[in-house]
Amino acid sequence: MKTAEIREMTVLELRDKEHELEDEIFRLKIKRFTAQLDNKMVIRMKKKELARVKTIINEKVKSLSSEHGEVGK
């Protein structure tokens, strides 16, 4: 998923995507430990996507809080 696509999502959609990615990474790690995962790079790509989602969530939350005058909290 590209960054532009992630930025178009709402915070609630991003939270759902965050939980979905965390669950997917967990399942991939289990597959890796049981030697069922062929391409180990998939885990790295999913982790990077999760980091993108978390970063954009933080950006959106901070921009919403600054719009409401809650700067510095």
C-alpha atoms as a PDB file:
ATOM      1  CA  MET A   1       0.000   0.000   0.000  1.00  0.00           C
ATOM      2  CA  LYS A   2       1.397   3.358  -1.001  1.00  0.00           C
ATOM      3  CA  THR A   3       1.739   6.306   1.334  1.00  0.00           C
ATOM      4  CA  ALA A   4      -0.735   8.389  -0.683  1.00  0.00           C
ATOM      5  CA  GLU A   5      -3.367   5.669  -0.270  1.00  0.00           C
ATOM      6  CA  ILE A   6      -2.710   5.502   3.466  1.00  0.00           C
ATOM      7  CA  ARG A   7      -3.017   9.289   3.852  1.00  0.00           C
ATOM      8  CA  GLU A   8      -6.502   9.190   2.287  1.00  0.00           C
ATOM      9  CA  MET A   9      -7.776   6.879   5.034  1.00  0.00           C
ATOM     10  CA  THR A  10      -9.494   8.120   8.202  1.00  0.00           C
ATOM     11  CA  VAL A  11      -7.970   7.598  11.637  1.00  0.00           C
ATOM     12  CA  LEU A  12     -10.440   4.793  12.400  1.00  0.00           C
ATOM     13  CA  GLU A  13      -9.588   3.023   9.153  1.00  0.00           C
ATOM     14  CA  LEU A  14      -5.903   3.442   9.954  1.00  0.00           C
ATOM     15  CA  ARG A  15      -6.398   1.926  13.420  1.00  0.00           C
ATOM     16  CA  ASP A  16      -8.126  -1.072  11.809  1.00  0.00           C
ATOM     17  CA  LYS A  17      -5.290  -1.390   9.301  1.00  0.00           C
ATOM     18  CA  GLU A  18      -2.763  -1.171  12.157  1.00  0.00           C
ATOM     19  CA  HIS A  19      -4.387  -4.072  14.002  1.00  0.00           C
ATOM     20  CA  GLU A  20      -4.704  -6.050  10.779  1.00  0.00           C
ATOM     21  CA  LEU A  21      -0.995  -5.616  10.016  1.00  0.00           C
ATOM     22  CA  GLU A  22       0.059  -6.509  13.562  1.00  0.00           C
ATOM     23  CA  ASP A  23      -1.985  -9.704  13.340  1.00  0.00           C
ATOM     24  CA  GLU A  24      -0.567 -10.513   9.917  1.00  0.00           C
ATOM     25  CA  ILE A  25       3.027  -9.972  11.119  1.00  0.00           C
ATOM     26  CA  PHE A  26       2.351 -12.257  14.087  1.00  0.00           C
ATOM     27  CA  ARG A  27       1.044 -15.006  11.794  1.00  0.00           C
ATOM     28  CA  LEU A  28       4.005 -14.596   9.441  1.00  0.00           C
ATOM     29  CA  LYS A  29       6.438 -14.922  12.345  1.00  0.00           C
ATOM     30  CA  ILE A  30       4.766 -18.158  13.402  1.00  0.00           C
ATOM     31  CA  LYS A  31       5.095 -19.447   9.846  1.00  0.00           C
ATOM     32  CA  ARG A  32       8.763 -18.467   9.843  1.00  0.00           C
ATOM     33  CA  PHE A  33       9.462 -20.330  13.087  1.00  0.00           C
ATOM     34  CA  THR A  34       7.704 -23.446  11.784  1.00  0.00           C
ATOM     35  CA  ALA A  35       9.644 -23.222   8.494  1.00  0.00           C
ATOM     36  CA  GLN A  36       6.502 -22.692   6.399  1.00  0.00           C
ATOM     37  CA  LEU A  37       7.420 -19.220   5.174  1.00  0.00           C
ATOM     38  CA  ASP A  38       9.291 -19.177   1.885  1.00  0.00           C
ATOM     39  CA  ASN A  39       9.976 -15.453   1.526  1.00  0.00           C
ATOM     40  CA  LYS A  40      11.193 -13.865   4.760  1.00  0.00           C
ATOM     41  CA  MET A  41      11.204 -10.410   3.166  1.00  0.00           C
ATOM     42  CA  VAL A  42       7.417 -10.343   3.486  1.00  0.00           C
ATOM     43  CA  ILE A  43       7.763  -9.739   7.228  1.00  0.00           C
ATOM     44  CA  ARG A  44      10.084  -6.798   6.653  1.00  0.00           C
ATOM     45  CA  MET A  45       7.728  -5.262   4.086  1.00  0.00           C
ATOM     46  CA  LYS A  46       4.750  -5.629   6.439  1.00  0.00           C
ATOM     47  CA  LYS A  47       6.718  -4.054   9.294  1.00  0.00           C
ATOM     48  CA  LYS A  48       7.562  -1.073   7.100  1.00  0.00           C
ATOM     49  CA  GLU A  49       3.935  -0.722   6.085  1.00  0.00           C
ATOM     50  CA  LEU A  50       2.920  -0.856   9.755  1.00  0.00           C
ATOM     51  CA  ALA A  51       5.447   1.886  10.538  1.00  0.00           C
ATOM     52  CA  ARG A  52       3.977   4.033   7.742  1.00  0.00           C
ATOM     53  CA  VAL A  53       0.469   3.550   9.112  1.00  0.00           C
ATOM     54  CA  LYS A  54       1.550   4.414  12.670  1.00  0.00           C
ATOM     55  CA  THR A  55       3.413   7.510  11.480  1.00  0.00           C
ATOM     56  CA  ILE A  56       0.404   8.797   9.572  1.00  0.00           C
ATOM     57  CA  ILE A  57      -1.889   8.087  12.534  1.00  0.00           C
ATOM     58  CA  ASN A  58       0.389  10.197  14.735  1.00  0.00           C
ATOM     59  CA  GLU A  59       0.480  12.988  12.145  1.00  0.00           C
ATOM     60  CA  LYS A  60      -3.313  13.042  11.886  1.00  0.00           C
ATOM     61  CA  VAL A  61      -3.831  12.949  15.654  1.00  0.00           C
ATOM     62  CA  LYS A  62      -1.365  15.799  16.161  1.00  0.00           C
ATOM     63  CA  SER A  63      -2.960  17.896  13.428  1.00  0.00           C
ATOM     64  CA  LEU A  64      -6.419  17.315  14.938  1.00  0.00           C
ATOM     65  CA  SER A  65      -5.228  18.244  18.418  1.00  0.00           C
ATOM     66  CA  SER A  66      -3.516  21.405  17.139  1.00  0.00           C
ATOM     67  CA  GLU A  67      -6.708  22.437  15.338  1.00  0.00           C
ATOM     68  CA  HIS A  68      -8.582  22.233  18.640  1.00  0.00           C
ATOM     69  CA  GLY A  69      -6.033  24.295  20.554  1.00  0.00           C
ATOM     70  CA  GLU A  70      -4.473  21.451  22.510  1.00  0.00           C
ATOM     71  CA  VAL A  71      -0.884  22.207  21.561  1.00  0.00           C
ATOM     72  CA  GLY A  72       1.681  20.982  24.055  1.00  0.00           C
ATOM     73  CA  LYS A  73      -0.406  18.250  25.652  1.00  0.00           C
END
